[in-house]
Amino acid sequence: VVAAPDFVLLPAGSVATVGGAEGLAKQPGLSQVKGWRLVTVEDVDFMGLGPGLGRAVGRLQDGVGPRPGAGKGGGE
């Protein structure tokens, strides 16, 4: 497997159709990749510039941002 995603971003409805995170992990391709994390967004949150957009961006930032204690470079 060449790709090594840190995270997989999907609409929550899509994740539900494959049986949740466990079902997604069994999908061809992802079943061979280790260490990824699932980040979901509500299906409607990115469809417009409504009040849910800020909440969705915050959720996305929380999901894909650096993990606490995960310093970059320099032997941190």
C-alpha atoms as a PDB file:
ATOM      1  CA  VAL A   1       0.000   0.000   0.000  1.00  0.00           C
ATOM      2  CA  VAL A   2       1.593   3.226  -1.143  1.00  0.00           C
ATOM      3  CA  ALA A   3      -0.792   5.667   0.520  1.00  0.00           C
ATOM      4  CA  ALA A   4      -0.424   6.093   4.245  1.00  0.00           C
ATOM      5  CA  PRO A   5      -3.193   8.456   5.323  1.00  0.00           C
ATOM      6  CA  ASP A   6      -3.081   9.978   8.790  1.00  0.00           C
ATOM      7  CA  PHE A   7      -6.838  10.403   8.666  1.00  0.00           C
ATOM      8  CA  VAL A   8      -9.833   9.609   6.500  1.00  0.00           C
ATOM      9  CA  LEU A   9     -12.419  12.396   6.173  1.00  0.00           C
ATOM     10  CA  LEU A  10     -15.933  11.279   5.279  1.00  0.00           C
ATOM     11  CA  PRO A  11     -19.512  12.413   5.745  1.00  0.00           C
ATOM     12  CA  ALA A  12     -21.107  10.664   8.725  1.00  0.00           C
ATOM     13  CA  GLY A  13     -23.861   9.252   6.504  1.00  0.00           C
ATOM     14  CA  SER A  14     -21.312   7.512   4.300  1.00  0.00           C
ATOM     15  CA  VAL A  15     -19.640   5.925   7.305  1.00  0.00           C
ATOM     16  CA  ALA A  16     -23.002   4.662   8.546  1.00  0.00           C
ATOM     17  CA  THR A  17     -23.715   2.929   5.221  1.00  0.00           C
ATOM     18  CA  VAL A  18     -20.592   0.755   5.500  1.00  0.00           C
ATOM     19  CA  GLY A  19     -21.204  -0.277   9.100  1.00  0.00           C
ATOM     20  CA  GLY A  20     -19.463   2.493  11.000  1.00  0.00           C
ATOM     21  CA  ALA A  21     -15.743   2.770  11.671  1.00  0.00           C
ATOM     22  CA  GLU A  22     -15.388  -1.014  11.970  1.00  0.00           C
ATOM     23  CA  GLY A  23     -17.012  -1.570   8.589  1.00  0.00           C
ATOM     24  CA  LEU A  24     -14.912   1.158   7.022  1.00  0.00           C
ATOM     25  CA  ALA A  25     -11.727  -0.453   8.339  1.00  0.00           C
ATOM     26  CA  LYS A  26     -12.682  -3.640   6.469  1.00  0.00           C
ATOM     27  CA  GLN A  27     -12.988  -1.884   3.096  1.00  0.00           C
ATOM     28  CA  PRO A  28     -10.426  -2.823   0.442  1.00  0.00           C
ATOM     29  CA  GLY A  29      -7.435  -0.547   0.718  1.00  0.00           C
ATOM     30  CA  LEU A  30      -8.147   0.748   4.202  1.00  0.00           C
ATOM     31  CA  SER A  31      -7.969  -2.735   5.673  1.00  0.00           C
ATOM     32  CA  GLN A  32      -4.276  -2.780   4.698  1.00  0.00           C
ATOM     33  CA  VAL A  33      -3.418   0.651   6.132  1.00  0.00           C
ATOM     34  CA  LYS A  34      -2.468   0.940   9.791  1.00  0.00           C
ATOM     35  CA  GLY A  35      -2.657   3.939  12.082  1.00  0.00           C
ATOM     36  CA  TRP A  36      -5.263   6.099  10.340  1.00  0.00           C
ATOM     37  CA  ARG A  37      -8.025   7.835  12.242  1.00  0.00           C
ATOM     38  CA  LEU A  38     -11.549   8.569  11.113  1.00  0.00           C
ATOM     39  CA  VAL A  39     -12.824  12.141  11.011  1.00  0.00           C
ATOM     40  CA  THR A  40     -16.485  12.614  10.157  1.00  0.00           C
ATOM     41  CA  VAL A  41     -18.510  15.676   9.305  1.00  0.00           C
ATOM     42  CA  GLU A  42     -22.263  15.951   9.230  1.00  0.00           C
ATOM     43  CA  ASP A  43     -23.504  15.535   5.689  1.00  0.00           C
ATOM     44  CA  VAL A  44     -25.202  18.965   5.560  1.00  0.00           C
ATOM     45  CA  ASP A  45     -22.603  21.067   7.380  1.00  0.00           C
ATOM     46  CA  PHE A  46     -20.539  21.934   4.304  1.00  0.00           C
ATOM     47  CA  MET A  47     -23.457  22.399   1.916  1.00  0.00           C
ATOM     48  CA  GLY A  48     -23.769  26.126   2.565  1.00  0.00           C
ATOM     49  CA  LEU A  49     -22.638  29.062   4.615  1.00  0.00           C
ATOM     50  CA  GLY A  50     -25.172  28.475   7.373  1.00  0.00           C
ATOM     51  CA  PRO A  51     -24.763  28.458  11.137  1.00  0.00           C
ATOM     52  CA  GLY A  52     -23.431  24.898  11.188  1.00  0.00           C
ATOM     53  CA  LEU A  53     -20.350  25.759   9.123  1.00  0.00           C
ATOM     54  CA  GLY A  54     -18.319  27.147  12.042  1.00  0.00           C
ATOM     55  CA  ARG A  55     -19.108  24.092  14.142  1.00  0.00           C
ATOM     56  CA  ALA A  56     -18.123  21.826  11.251  1.00  0.00           C
ATOM     57  CA  VAL A  57     -14.816  23.627  10.722  1.00  0.00           C
ATOM     58  CA  GLY A  58     -14.045  23.328  14.448  1.00  0.00           C
ATOM     59  CA  ARG A  59     -14.824  19.621  14.379  1.00  0.00           C
ATOM     60  CA  LEU A  60     -12.639  19.186  11.328  1.00  0.00           C
ATOM     61  CA  GLN A  61      -9.778  21.075  12.979  1.00  0.00           C
ATOM     62  CA  ASP A  62     -10.090  18.936  16.108  1.00  0.00           C
ATOM     63  CA  GLY A  63     -10.010  15.771  14.024  1.00  0.00           C
ATOM     64  CA  VAL A  64      -7.096  16.529  11.726  1.00  0.00           C
ATOM     65  CA  GLY A  65      -4.976  18.805  13.890  1.00  0.00           C
ATOM     66  CA  PRO A  66      -1.826  17.635  15.624  1.00  0.00           C
ATOM     67  CA  ARG A  67      -2.248  15.275  18.519  1.00  0.00           C
ATOM     68  CA  PRO A  68      -1.265  16.618  21.952  1.00  0.00           C
ATOM     69  CA  GLY A  69       2.403  15.889  22.612  1.00  0.00           C
ATOM     70  CA  ALA A  70       3.162  15.191  18.953  1.00  0.00           C
ATOM     71  CA  GLY A  71       5.983  17.655  18.317  1.00  0.00           C
ATOM     72  CA  LYS A  72       7.502  18.083  14.876  1.00  0.00           C
ATOM     73  CA  GLY A  73      11.188  17.792  14.134  1.00  0.00           C
ATOM     74  CA  GLY A  74      14.136  18.893  16.188  1.00  0.00           C
ATOM     75  CA  GLY A  75      13.923  15.996  18.639  1.00  0.00           C
ATOM     76  CA  GLU A  76      10.996  17.455  20.542  1.00  0.00           C
END
